[in-house]
Amino acid sequence: MTTASYDRVIGRLETKLDMLVSAFEKSSDDSKEYRDRIYSELEQMRTEAAQSRREIADLKKQMDAAGPVISEINRWRERFLGMLMLIGAISAVLGGGMVLVWRWIGAKIGTP
């Protein structure tokens, strides 16, 4: 081989080597951008998770504070339902008593 052909082969090798280096640098830059994006998304998810935990803790505190009020409301509701049942039973007894009185009066008057 001649010196010119060696120079040409060396030139091709340098070109291929430059292309490999530039491809490696581009790949490295792409990987860095991808890692940066992943890390920023992870940080955003950590922030959202921390905020969700704080909101859940606040809701738990509110529910703990509302517990006695809710139990008092339930007691009053049960009392109200018991009162309604008592009123219904008394009304049924009074209605039945009124029917018996009207029948007795009708029997005394003589109407069938």
PDB file of N, CA and C in Angstrom:
ATOM      1  N   MET A   1       0.852  -1.170   0.000  1.00  0.00           N
ATOM      2  CA  MET A   1       0.000   0.000   0.000  1.00  0.00           C
ATOM      3  C   MET A   1       0.890   1.222   0.000  1.00  0.00           C
ATOM      4  N   THR A   2       0.305   2.250  -0.571  1.00  0.00           N
ATOM      5  CA  THR A   2       1.043   3.502  -0.664  1.00  0.00           C
ATOM      6  C   THR A   2       0.665   4.405   0.475  1.00  0.00           C
ATOM      7  N   THR A   3       1.433   5.455   0.610  1.00  0.00           N
ATOM      8  CA  THR A   3       1.184   6.420   1.674  1.00  0.00           C
ATOM      9  C   THR A   3      -0.168   7.082   1.505  1.00  0.00           C
ATOM     10  N   ALA A   4      -0.587   7.335   0.257  1.00  0.00           N
ATOM     11  CA  ALA A   4      -1.879   7.976   0.008  1.00  0.00           C
ATOM     12  C   ALA A   4      -3.013   7.075   0.453  1.00  0.00           C
ATOM     13  N   SER A   5      -2.896   5.773   0.206  1.00  0.00           N
ATOM     14  CA  SER A   5      -3.963   4.869   0.620  1.00  0.00           C
ATOM     15  C   SER A   5      -3.987   4.732   2.142  1.00  0.00           C
ATOM     16  N   TYR A   6      -2.814   4.773   2.763  1.00  0.00           N
ATOM     17  CA  TYR A   6      -2.785   4.763   4.227  1.00  0.00           C
ATOM     18  C   TYR A   6      -3.439   6.016   4.793  1.00  0.00           C
ATOM     19  N   ASP A   7      -3.150   7.131   4.162  1.00  0.00           N
ATOM     20  CA  ASP A   7      -3.781   8.384   4.619  1.00  0.00           C
ATOM     21  C   ASP A   7      -5.295   8.323   4.459  1.00  0.00           C
ATOM     22  N   ARG A   8      -5.754   7.725   3.385  1.00  0.00           N
ATOM     23  CA  ARG A   8      -7.201   7.608   3.141  1.00  0.00           C
ATOM     24  C   ARG A   8      -7.824   6.688   4.192  1.00  0.00           C
ATOM     25  N   VAL A   9      -7.192   5.578   4.473  1.00  0.00           N
ATOM     26  CA  VAL A   9      -7.697   4.638   5.482  1.00  0.00           C
ATOM     27  C   VAL A   9      -7.712   5.311   6.852  1.00  0.00           C
ATOM     28  N   ILE A  10      -6.637   6.022   7.166  1.00  0.00           N
ATOM     29  CA  ILE A  10      -6.590   6.733   8.445  1.00  0.00           C
ATOM     30  C   ILE A  10      -7.676   7.807   8.499  1.00  0.00           C
ATOM     31  N   GLY A  11      -7.914   8.508   7.378  1.00  0.00           N
ATOM     32  CA  GLY A  11      -8.977   9.517   7.321  1.00  0.00           C
ATOM     33  C   GLY A  11     -10.344   8.906   7.555  1.00  0.00           C
ATOM     34  N   ARG A  12     -10.572   7.722   6.949  1.00  0.00           N
ATOM     35  CA  ARG A  12     -11.861   7.045   7.160  1.00  0.00           C
ATOM     36  C   ARG A  12     -12.011   6.627   8.630  1.00  0.00           C
ATOM     37  N   LEU A  13     -10.935   6.100   9.164  1.00  0.00           N
ATOM     38  CA  LEU A  13     -10.982   5.693  10.573  1.00  0.00           C
ATOM     39  C   LEU A  13     -11.236   6.887  11.481  1.00  0.00           C
ATOM     40  N   GLU A  14     -10.585   8.012  11.193  1.00  0.00           N
ATOM     41  CA  GLU A  14     -10.826   9.217  11.996  1.00  0.00           C
ATOM     42  C   GLU A  14     -12.274   9.671  11.864  1.00  0.00           C
ATOM     43  N   THR A  15     -12.824   9.606  10.644  1.00  0.00           N
ATOM     44  CA  THR A  15     -14.225  10.006  10.435  1.00  0.00           C
ATOM     45  C   THR A  15     -15.153   9.082  11.231  1.00  0.00           C
ATOM     46  N   LYS A  16     -14.902   7.780  11.138  1.00  0.00           N
ATOM     47  CA  LYS A  16     -15.735   6.836  11.875  1.00  0.00           C
ATOM     48  C   LYS A  16     -15.586   7.041  13.378  1.00  0.00           C
ATOM     49  N   LEU A  17     -14.357   7.310  13.812  1.00  0.00           N
ATOM     50  CA  LEU A  17     -14.127   7.560  15.223  1.00  0.00           C
ATOM     51  C   LEU A  17     -14.834   8.830  15.683  1.00  0.00           C
ATOM     52  N   ASP A  18     -14.782   9.888  14.854  1.00  0.00           N
ATOM     53  CA  ASP A  18     -15.500  11.134  15.176  1.00  0.00           C
ATOM     54  C   ASP A  18     -17.004  10.890  15.249  1.00  0.00           C
ATOM     55  N   MET A  19     -17.511  10.077  14.318  1.00  0.00           N
ATOM     56  CA  MET A  19     -18.948   9.774  14.337  1.00  0.00           C
ATOM     57  C   MET A  19     -19.310   8.992  15.595  1.00  0.00           C
ATOM     58  N   LEU A  20     -18.445   8.060  15.984  1.00  0.00           N
ATOM     59  CA  LEU A  20     -18.699   7.296  17.203  1.00  0.00           C
ATOM     60  C   LEU A  20     -18.688   8.193  18.435  1.00  0.00           C
ATOM     61  N   VAL A  21     -17.713   9.112  18.483  1.00  0.00           N
ATOM     62  CA  VAL A  21     -17.620  10.024  19.626  1.00  0.00           C
ATOM     63  C   VAL A  21     -18.842  10.926  19.674  1.00  0.00           C
ATOM     64  N   SER A  22     -19.259  11.463  18.511  1.00  0.00           N
ATOM     65  CA  SER A  22     -20.433  12.347  18.511  1.00  0.00           C
ATOM     66  C   SER A  22     -21.693  11.570  18.866  1.00  0.00           C
ATOM     67  N   ALA A  23     -21.826  10.325  18.392  1.00  0.00           N
ATOM     68  CA  ALA A  23     -22.986   9.497  18.755  1.00  0.00           C
ATOM     69  C   ALA A  23     -22.989   9.203  20.247  1.00  0.00           C
ATOM     70  N   PHE A  24     -21.810   8.917  20.798  1.00  0.00           N
ATOM     71  CA  PHE A  24     -21.713   8.661  22.232  1.00  0.00           C
ATOM     72  C   PHE A  24     -22.083   9.906  23.036  1.00  0.00           C
ATOM     73  N   GLU A  25     -21.592  11.076  22.602  1.00  0.00           N
ATOM     74  CA  GLU A  25     -21.922  12.319  23.302  1.00  0.00           C
ATOM     75  C   GLU A  25     -23.414  12.614  23.216  1.00  0.00           C
ATOM     76  N   LYS A  26     -24.008  12.384  22.032  1.00  0.00           N
ATOM     77  CA  LYS A  26     -25.455  12.609  21.882  1.00  0.00           C
ATOM     78  C   LYS A  26     -26.235  11.649  22.770  1.00  0.00           C
ATOM     79  N   SER A  27     -25.805  10.392  22.797  1.00  0.00           N
ATOM     80  CA  SER A  27     -26.463   9.404  23.647  1.00  0.00           C
ATOM     81  C   SER A  27     -26.331   9.795  25.116  1.00  0.00           C
ATOM     82  N   SER A  28     -25.161  10.283  25.481  1.00  0.00           N
ATOM     83  CA  SER A  28     -24.942  10.710  26.858  1.00  0.00           C
ATOM     84  C   SER A  28     -25.829  11.898  27.206  1.00  0.00           C
ATOM     85  N   ASP A  29     -25.946  12.851  26.272  1.00  0.00           N
ATOM     86  CA  ASP A  29     -26.816  14.009  26.508  1.00  0.00           C
ATOM     87  C   ASP A  29     -28.279  13.590  26.613  1.00  0.00           C
ATOM     88  N   ASP A  30     -28.698  12.669  25.732  1.00  0.00           N
ATOM     89  CA  ASP A  30     -30.083  12.178  25.787  1.00  0.00           C
ATOM     90  C   ASP A  30     -30.350  11.475  27.114  1.00  0.00           C
ATOM     91  N   SER A  31     -29.372  10.670  27.555  1.00  0.00           N
ATOM     92  CA  SER A  31     -29.540   9.964  28.827  1.00  0.00           C
ATOM     93  C   SER A  31     -29.631  10.953  29.983  1.00  0.00           C
ATOM     94  N   LYS A  32     -28.823  11.998  29.935  1.00  0.00           N
ATOM     95  CA  LYS A  32     -28.856  13.003  31.002  1.00  0.00           C
ATOM     96  C   LYS A  32     -30.205  13.712  31.020  1.00  0.00           C
ATOM     97  N   GLU A  33     -30.729  14.078  29.842  1.00  0.00           N
ATOM     98  CA  GLU A  33     -32.043  14.721  29.773  1.00  0.00           C
ATOM     99  C   GLU A  33     -33.123  13.793  30.306  1.00  0.00           C
ATOM    100  N   TYR A  34     -33.042  12.515  29.952  1.00  0.00           N
ATOM    101  CA  TYR A  34     -34.025  11.536  30.423  1.00  0.00           C
ATOM    102  C   TYR A  34     -33.955  11.400  31.940  1.00  0.00           C
ATOM    103  N   ARG A  35     -32.739  11.284  32.486  1.00  0.00           N
ATOM    104  CA  ARG A  35     -32.590  11.179  33.938  1.00  0.00           C
ATOM    105  C   ARG A  35     -33.111  12.435  34.629  1.00  0.00           C
ATOM    106  N   ASP A  36     -32.809  13.605  34.068  1.00  0.00           N
ATOM    107  CA  ASP A  36     -33.298  14.851  34.661  1.00  0.00           C
ATOM    108  C   ASP A  36     -34.816  14.886  34.681  1.00  0.00           C
ATOM    109  N   ARG A  37     -35.429  14.438  33.580  1.00  0.00           N
ATOM    110  CA  ARG A  37     -36.897  14.432  33.510  1.00  0.00           C
ATOM    111  C   ARG A  37     -37.467  13.448  34.530  1.00  0.00           C
ATOM    112  N   ILE A  38     -36.872  12.263  34.633  1.00  0.00           N
ATOM    113  CA  ILE A  38     -37.345  11.261  35.587  1.00  0.00           C
ATOM    114  C   ILE A  38     -37.208  11.785  37.020  1.00  0.00           C
ATOM    115  N   TYR A  39     -36.061  12.399  37.326  1.00  0.00           N
ATOM    116  CA  TYR A  39     -35.850  12.935  38.678  1.00  0.00           C
ATOM    117  C   TYR A  39     -36.839  14.047  39.001  1.00  0.00           C
ATOM    118  N   SER A  40     -37.143  14.899  38.027  1.00  0.00           N
ATOM    119  CA  SER A  40     -38.109  15.967  38.295  1.00  0.00           C
ATOM    120  C   SER A  40     -39.506  15.395  38.505  1.00  0.00           C
ATOM    121  N   GLU A  41     -39.859  14.360  37.739  1.00  0.00           N
ATOM    122  CA  GLU A  41     -41.166  13.730  37.937  1.00  0.00           C
ATOM    123  C   GLU A  41     -41.234  13.037  39.293  1.00  0.00           C
ATOM    124  N   LEU A  42     -40.147  12.391  39.691  1.00  0.00           N
ATOM    125  CA  LEU A  42     -40.121  11.758  41.014  1.00  0.00           C
ATOM    126  C   LEU A  42     -40.256  12.792  42.126  1.00  0.00           C
ATOM    127  N   GLU A  43     -39.592  13.905  41.975  1.00  0.00           N
ATOM    128  CA  GLU A  43     -39.696  14.965  42.982  1.00  0.00           C
ATOM    129  C   GLU A  43     -41.121  15.511  43.057  1.00  0.00           C
ATOM    130  N   GLN A  44     -41.750  15.652  41.897  1.00  0.00           N
ATOM    131  CA  GLN A  44     -43.135  16.120  41.879  1.00  0.00           C
ATOM    132  C   GLN A  44     -44.047  15.107  42.575  1.00  0.00           C
ATOM    133  N   MET A  45     -43.823  13.805  42.335  1.00  0.00           N
ATOM    134  CA  MET A  45     -44.646  12.791  42.993  1.00  0.00           C
ATOM    135  C   MET A  45     -44.398  12.780  44.497  1.00  0.00           C
ATOM    136  N   ARG A  46     -43.153  12.988  44.926  1.00  0.00           N
ATOM    137  CA  ARG A  46     -42.865  13.065  46.369  1.00  0.00           C
ATOM    138  C   ARG A  46     -43.594  14.241  46.999  1.00  0.00           C
ATOM    139  N   THR A  47     -43.570  15.371  46.300  1.00  0.00           N
ATOM    140  CA  THR A  47     -44.252  16.560  46.818  1.00  0.00           C
ATOM    141  C   THR A  47     -45.755  16.311  46.936  1.00  0.00           C
ATOM    142  N   GLU A  48     -46.342  15.712  45.898  1.00  0.00           N
ATOM    143  CA  GLU A  48     -47.777  15.424  45.930  1.00  0.00           C
ATOM    144  C   GLU A  48     -48.111  14.421  47.033  1.00  0.00           C
ATOM    145  N   ALA A  49     -47.264  13.413  47.223  1.00  0.00           N
ATOM    146  CA  ALA A  49     -47.515  12.419  48.273  1.00  0.00           C
ATOM    147  C   ALA A  49     -47.445  13.067  49.653  1.00  0.00           C
ATOM    148  N   ALA A  50     -46.469  13.951  49.847  1.00  0.00           N
ATOM    149  CA  ALA A  50     -46.357  14.634  51.145  1.00  0.00           C
ATOM    150  C   ALA A  50     -47.577  15.509  51.390  1.00  0.00           C
ATOM    151  N   GLN A  51     -48.039  16.199  50.351  1.00  0.00           N
ATOM    152  CA  GLN A  51     -49.226  17.048  50.500  1.00  0.00           C
ATOM    153  C   GLN A  51     -50.448  16.182  50.809  1.00  0.00           C
ATOM    154  N   SER A  52     -50.580  15.050  50.144  1.00  0.00           N
ATOM    155  CA  SER A  52     -51.712  14.153  50.408  1.00  0.00           C
ATOM    156  C   SER A  52     -51.674  13.648  51.848  1.00  0.00           C
ATOM    157  N   ARG A  53     -50.471  13.303  52.333  1.00  0.00           N
ATOM    158  CA  ARG A  53     -50.367  12.844  53.731  1.00  0.00           C
ATOM    159  C   ARG A  53     -50.798  13.940  54.696  1.00  0.00           C
ATOM    160  N   ARG A  54     -50.383  15.188  54.408  1.00  0.00           N
ATOM    161  CA  ARG A  54     -50.794  16.295  55.292  1.00  0.00           C
ATOM    162  C   ARG A  54     -52.306  16.475  55.268  1.00  0.00           C
ATOM    163  N   GLU A  55     -52.908  16.399  54.071  1.00  0.00           N
ATOM    164  CA  GLU A  55     -54.361  16.562  53.979  1.00  0.00           C
ATOM    165  C   GLU A  55     -55.082  15.439  54.717  1.00  0.00           C
ATOM    166  N   ILE A  56     -54.586  14.226  54.602  1.00  0.00           N
ATOM    167  CA  ILE A  56     -55.208  13.097  55.303  1.00  0.00           C
ATOM    168  C   ILE A  56     -55.087  13.279  56.810  1.00  0.00           C
ATOM    169  N   ALA A  57     -53.933  13.756  57.265  1.00  0.00           N
ATOM    170  CA  ALA A  57     -53.753  13.992  58.703  1.00  0.00           C
ATOM    171  C   ALA A  57     -54.708  15.082  59.184  1.00  0.00           C
ATOM    172  N   ASP A  58     -54.885  16.139  58.384  1.00  0.00           N
ATOM    173  CA  ASP A  58     -55.828  17.204  58.756  1.00  0.00           C
ATOM    174  C   ASP A  58     -57.253  16.664  58.812  1.00  0.00           C
ATOM    175  N   LEU A  59     -57.635  15.849  57.829  1.00  0.00           N
ATOM    176  CA  LEU A  59     -58.978  15.267  57.835  1.00  0.00           C
ATOM    177  C   LEU A  59     -59.187  14.355  59.039  1.00  0.00           C
ATOM    178  N   LYS A  60     -58.159  13.604  59.393  1.00  0.00           N
ATOM    179  CA  LYS A  60     -58.266  12.731  60.563  1.00  0.00           C
ATOM    180  C   LYS A  60     -58.480  13.558  61.829  1.00  0.00           C
ATOM    181  N   LYS A  61     -57.754  14.668  61.950  1.00  0.00           N
ATOM    182  CA  LYS A  61     -57.946  15.537  63.119  1.00  0.00           C
ATOM    183  C   LYS A  61     -59.372  16.090  63.148  1.00  0.00           C
ATOM    184  N   GLN A  62     -59.874  16.509  61.994  1.00  0.00           N
ATOM    185  CA  GLN A  62     -61.234  17.047  61.937  1.00  0.00           C
ATOM    186  C   GLN A  62     -62.260  15.973  62.295  1.00  0.00           C
ATOM    187  N   MET A  63     -62.065  14.751  61.786  1.00  0.00           N
ATOM    188  CA  MET A  63     -63.007  13.687  62.092  1.00  0.00           C
ATOM    189  C   MET A  63     -62.939  13.300  63.571  1.00  0.00           C
ATOM    190  N   ASP A  64     -61.751  13.326  64.147  1.00  0.00           N
ATOM    191  CA  ASP A  64     -61.632  13.045  65.579  1.00  0.00           C
ATOM    192  C   ASP A  64     -62.374  14.099  66.397  1.00  0.00           C
ATOM    193  N   ALA A  65     -62.298  15.348  65.955  1.00  0.00           N
ATOM    194  CA  ALA A  65     -62.996  16.425  66.658  1.00  0.00           C
ATOM    195  C   ALA A  65     -64.508  16.334  66.436  1.00  0.00           C
ATOM    196  N   ALA A  66     -64.927  15.833  65.281  1.00  0.00           N
ATOM    197  CA  ALA A  66     -66.351  15.749  64.965  1.00  0.00           C
ATOM    198  C   ALA A  66     -66.999  14.497  65.542  1.00  0.00           C
ATOM    199  N   GLY A  67     -66.221  13.568  66.042  1.00  0.00           N
ATOM    200  CA  GLY A  67     -66.764  12.312  66.564  1.00  0.00           C
ATOM    201  C   GLY A  67     -67.812  12.495  67.646  1.00  0.00           C
ATOM    202  N   PRO A  68     -67.550  13.289  68.683  1.00  0.00           N
ATOM    203  CA  PRO A  68     -68.577  13.473  69.719  1.00  0.00           C
ATOM    204  C   PRO A  68     -69.860  14.114  69.178  1.00  0.00           C
ATOM    205  N   VAL A  69     -69.722  15.050  68.267  1.00  0.00           N
ATOM    206  CA  VAL A  69     -70.904  15.708  67.691  1.00  0.00           C
ATOM    207  C   VAL A  69     -71.722  14.697  66.902  1.00  0.00           C
ATOM    208  N   ILE A  70     -71.049  13.856  66.122  1.00  0.00           N
ATOM    209  CA  ILE A  70     -71.757  12.861  65.317  1.00  0.00           C
ATOM    210  C   ILE A  70     -72.466  11.857  66.218  1.00  0.00           C
ATOM    211  N   SER A  71     -71.827  11.427  67.284  1.00  0.00           N
ATOM    212  CA  SER A  71     -72.482  10.473  68.186  1.00  0.00           C
ATOM    213  C   SER A  71     -73.682  11.120  68.880  1.00  0.00           C
ATOM    214  N   GLU A  72     -73.579  12.405  69.220  1.00  0.00           N
ATOM    215  CA  GLU A  72     -74.720  13.107  69.824  1.00  0.00           C
ATOM    216  C   GLU A  72     -75.884  13.208  68.841  1.00  0.00           C
ATOM    217  N   ILE A  73     -75.570  13.505  67.582  1.00  0.00           N
ATOM    218  CA  ILE A  73     -76.621  13.572  66.549  1.00  0.00           C
ATOM    219  C   ILE A  73     -77.282  12.207  66.392  1.00  0.00           C
ATOM    220  N   ASN A  74     -76.501  11.139  66.411  1.00  0.00           N
ATOM    221  CA  ASN A  74     -77.079   9.801  66.295  1.00  0.00           C
ATOM    222  C   ASN A  74     -77.977   9.474  67.485  1.00  0.00           C
ATOM    223  N   ARG A  75     -77.579   9.882  68.687  1.00  0.00           N
ATOM    224  CA  ARG A  75     -78.442   9.657  69.855  1.00  0.00           C
ATOM    225  C   ARG A  75     -79.769  10.403  69.705  1.00  0.00           C
ATOM    226  N   TRP A  76     -79.710  11.662  69.269  1.00  0.00           N
ATOM    227  CA  TRP A  76     -80.947  12.424  69.086  1.00  0.00           C
ATOM    228  C   TRP A  76     -81.806  11.808  67.983  1.00  0.00           C
ATOM    229  N   ARG A  77     -81.204  11.304  66.929  1.00  0.00           N
ATOM    230  CA  ARG A  77     -81.970  10.666  65.861  1.00  0.00           C
ATOM    231  C   ARG A  77     -82.676   9.425  66.389  1.00  0.00           C
ATOM    232  N   GLU A  78     -81.981   8.620  67.204  1.00  0.00           N
ATOM    233  CA  GLU A  78     -82.621   7.437  67.778  1.00  0.00           C
ATOM    234  C   GLU A  78     -83.771   7.825  68.698  1.00  0.00           C
ATOM    235  N   ARG A  79     -83.583   8.880  69.473  1.00  0.00           N
ATOM    236  CA  ARG A  79     -84.676   9.357  70.337  1.00  0.00           C
ATOM    237  C   ARG A  79     -85.859   9.814  69.505  1.00  0.00           C
ATOM    238  N   PHE A  80     -85.581  10.518  68.398  1.00  0.00           N
ATOM    239  CA  PHE A  80     -86.657  11.008  67.539  1.00  0.00           C
ATOM    240  C   PHE A  80     -87.421   9.841  66.926  1.00  0.00           C
ATOM    241  N   LEU A  81     -86.689   8.800  66.474  1.00  0.00           N
ATOM    242  CA  LEU A  81     -87.372   7.635  65.904  1.00  0.00           C
ATOM    243  C   LEU A  81     -88.212   6.924  66.960  1.00  0.00           C
ATOM    244  N   GLY A  82     -87.695   6.825  68.179  1.00  0.00           N
ATOM    245  CA  GLY A  82     -88.477   6.223  69.261  1.00  0.00           C
ATOM    246  C   GLY A  82     -89.731   7.032  69.559  1.00  0.00           C
ATOM    247  N   MET A  83     -89.600   8.368  69.536  1.00  0.00           N
ATOM    248  CA  MET A  83     -90.749   9.234  69.772  1.00  0.00           C
ATOM    249  C   MET A  83     -91.791   9.046  68.669  1.00  0.00           C
ATOM    250  N   LEU A  84     -91.324   8.938  67.402  1.00  0.00           N
ATOM    251  CA  LEU A  84     -92.266   8.725  66.294  1.00  0.00           C
ATOM    252  C   LEU A  84     -92.998   7.392  66.440  1.00  0.00           C
ATOM    253  N   MET A  85     -92.286   6.348  66.853  1.00  0.00           N
ATOM    254  CA  MET A  85     -92.944   5.052  67.051  1.00  0.00           C
ATOM    255  C   MET A  85     -93.964   5.130  68.191  1.00  0.00           C
ATOM    256  N   LEU A  86     -93.606   5.843  69.257  1.00  0.00           N
ATOM    257  CA  LEU A  86     -94.535   5.994  70.379  1.00  0.00           C
ATOM    258  C   LEU A  86     -95.773   6.772  69.954  1.00  0.00           C
ATOM    259  N   ILE A  87     -95.572   7.843  69.201  1.00  0.00           N
ATOM    260  CA  ILE A  87     -96.721   8.635  68.716  1.00  0.00           C
ATOM    261  C   ILE A  87     -97.588   7.785  67.797  1.00  0.00           C
ATOM    262  N   GLY A  88     -96.952   6.966  66.928  1.00  0.00           N
ATOM    263  CA  GLY A  88     -97.723   6.080  66.047  1.00  0.00           C
ATOM    264  C   GLY A  88     -98.545   5.075  66.832  1.00  0.00           C
ATOM    265  N   ALA A  89     -97.952   4.492  67.866  1.00  0.00           N
ATOM    266  CA  ALA A  89     -98.680   3.507  68.669  1.00  0.00           C
ATOM    267  C   ALA A  89     -99.830   4.166  69.419  1.00  0.00           C
ATOM    268  N   ILE A  90     -99.567   5.353  69.984  1.00  0.00           N
ATOM    269  CA  ILE A  90    -100.630   6.065  70.711  1.00  0.00           C
ATOM    270  C   ILE A  90    -101.754   6.440  69.760  1.00  0.00           C
ATOM    271  N   SER A  91    -101.385   6.888  68.538  1.00  0.00           N
ATOM    272  CA  SER A  91    -102.419   7.255  67.554  1.00  0.00           C
ATOM    273  C   SER A  91    -103.255   6.038  67.176  1.00  0.00           C
ATOM    274  N   ALA A  92    -102.605   4.884  67.005  1.00  0.00           N
ATOM    275  CA  ALA A  92    -103.350   3.672  66.657  1.00  0.00           C
ATOM    276  C   ALA A  92    -104.305   3.290  67.783  1.00  0.00           C
ATOM    277  N   VAL A  93    -103.859   3.387  69.027  1.00  0.00           N
ATOM    278  CA  VAL A  93    -104.723   3.059  70.166  1.00  0.00           C
ATOM    279  C   VAL A  93    -105.889   4.037  70.240  1.00  0.00           C
ATOM    280  N   LEU A  94    -105.607   5.338  70.071  1.00  0.00           N
ATOM    281  CA  LEU A  94    -106.690   6.323  70.112  1.00  0.00           C
ATOM    282  C   LEU A  94    -107.675   6.123  68.969  1.00  0.00           C
ATOM    283  N   GLY A  95    -107.147   5.826  67.746  1.00  0.00           N
ATOM    284  CA  GLY A  95    -108.043   5.579  66.611  1.00  0.00           C
ATOM    285  C   GLY A  95    -108.927   4.372  66.850  1.00  0.00           C
ATOM    286  N   GLY A  96    -108.319   3.297  67.368  1.00  0.00           N
ATOM    287  CA  GLY A  96    -109.106   2.097  67.680  1.00  0.00           C
ATOM    288  C   GLY A  96    -110.126   2.387  68.765  1.00  0.00           C
ATOM    289  N   GLY A  97    -109.739   3.171  69.768  1.00  0.00           N
ATOM    290  CA  GLY A  97    -110.681   3.537  70.839  1.00  0.00           C
ATOM    291  C   GLY A  97    -111.838   4.365  70.291  1.00  0.00           C
ATOM    292  N   MET A  98    -111.526   5.300  69.371  1.00  0.00           N
ATOM    293  CA  MET A  98    -112.604   6.116  68.790  1.00  0.00           C
ATOM    294  C   MET A  98    -113.568   5.249  67.988  1.00  0.00           C
ATOM    295  N   VAL A  99    -113.058   4.260  67.279  1.00  0.00           N
ATOM    296  CA  VAL A  99    -113.932   3.357  66.508  1.00  0.00           C
ATOM    297  C   VAL A  99    -114.815   2.579  67.469  1.00  0.00           C
ATOM    298  N   LEU A 100    -114.247   2.092  68.553  1.00  0.00           N
ATOM    299  CA  LEU A 100    -115.051   1.348  69.525  1.00  0.00           C
ATOM    300  C   LEU A 100    -116.130   2.244  70.137  1.00  0.00           C
ATOM    301  N   VAL A 101    -115.778   3.502  70.455  1.00  0.00           N
ATOM    302  CA  VAL A 101    -116.759   4.430  71.029  1.00  0.00           C
ATOM    303  C   VAL A 101    -117.883   4.694  70.039  1.00  0.00           C
ATOM    304  N   TRP A 102    -117.550   4.935  68.755  1.00  0.00           N
ATOM    305  CA  TRP A 102    -118.584   5.182  67.739  1.00  0.00           C
ATOM    306  C   TRP A 102    -119.482   3.969  67.559  1.00  0.00           C
ATOM    307  N   ARG A 103    -118.930   2.772  67.606  1.00  0.00           N
ATOM    308  CA  ARG A 103    -119.756   1.567  67.484  1.00  0.00           C
ATOM    309  C   ARG A 103    -120.673   1.428  68.712  1.00  0.00           C
ATOM    310  N   TRP A 104    -120.137   1.708  69.886  1.00  0.00           N
ATOM    311  CA  TRP A 104    -120.950   1.607  71.091  1.00  0.00           C
ATOM    312  C   TRP A 104    -122.093   2.608  71.039  1.00  0.00           C
ATOM    313  N   ILE A 105    -121.755   3.875  70.611  1.00  0.00           N
ATOM    314  CA  ILE A 105    -122.794   4.898  70.495  1.00  0.00           C
ATOM    315  C   ILE A 105    -123.814   4.484  69.429  1.00  0.00           C
ATOM    316  N   GLY A 106    -123.331   3.939  68.334  1.00  0.00           N
ATOM    317  CA  GLY A 106    -124.248   3.490  67.271  1.00  0.00           C
ATOM    318  C   GLY A 106    -125.131   2.358  67.770  1.00  0.00           C
ATOM    319  N   ALA A 107    -124.587   1.457  68.572  1.00  0.00           N
ATOM    320  CA  ALA A 107    -125.382   0.352  69.096  1.00  0.00           C
ATOM    321  C   ALA A 107    -126.439   0.859  70.075  1.00  0.00           C
ATOM    322  N   LYS A 108    -126.108   1.897  70.877  1.00  0.00           N
ATOM    323  CA  LYS A 108    -127.049   2.453  71.835  1.00  0.00           C
ATOM    324  C   LYS A 108    -128.169   3.207  71.126  1.00  0.00           C
ATOM    325  N   ILE A 109    -127.778   3.884  70.017  1.00  0.00           N
ATOM    326  CA  ILE A 109    -128.792   4.638  69.277  1.00  0.00           C
ATOM    327  C   ILE A 109    -129.642   3.683  68.459  1.00  0.00           C
ATOM    328  N   GLY A 110    -129.047   2.607  68.050  1.00  0.00           N
ATOM    329  CA  GLY A 110    -129.802   1.627  67.281  1.00  0.00           C
ATOM    330  C   GLY A 110    -129.495   1.680  65.799  1.00  0.00           C
ATOM    331  N   THR A 111    -128.442   2.273  65.393  1.00  0.00           N
ATOM    332  CA  THR A 111    -128.073   2.277  63.971  1.00  0.00           C
ATOM    333  C   THR A 111    -127.142   1.093  63.708  1.00  0.00           C
ATOM    334  N   PRO A 112    -127.343   0.434  62.599  1.00  0.00           N
ATOM    335  CA  PRO A 112    -126.546  -0.771  62.337  1.00  0.00           C
ATOM    336  C   PRO A 112    -125.113  -0.485  62.003  1.00  0.00           C
TER     337      PRO A 112
END
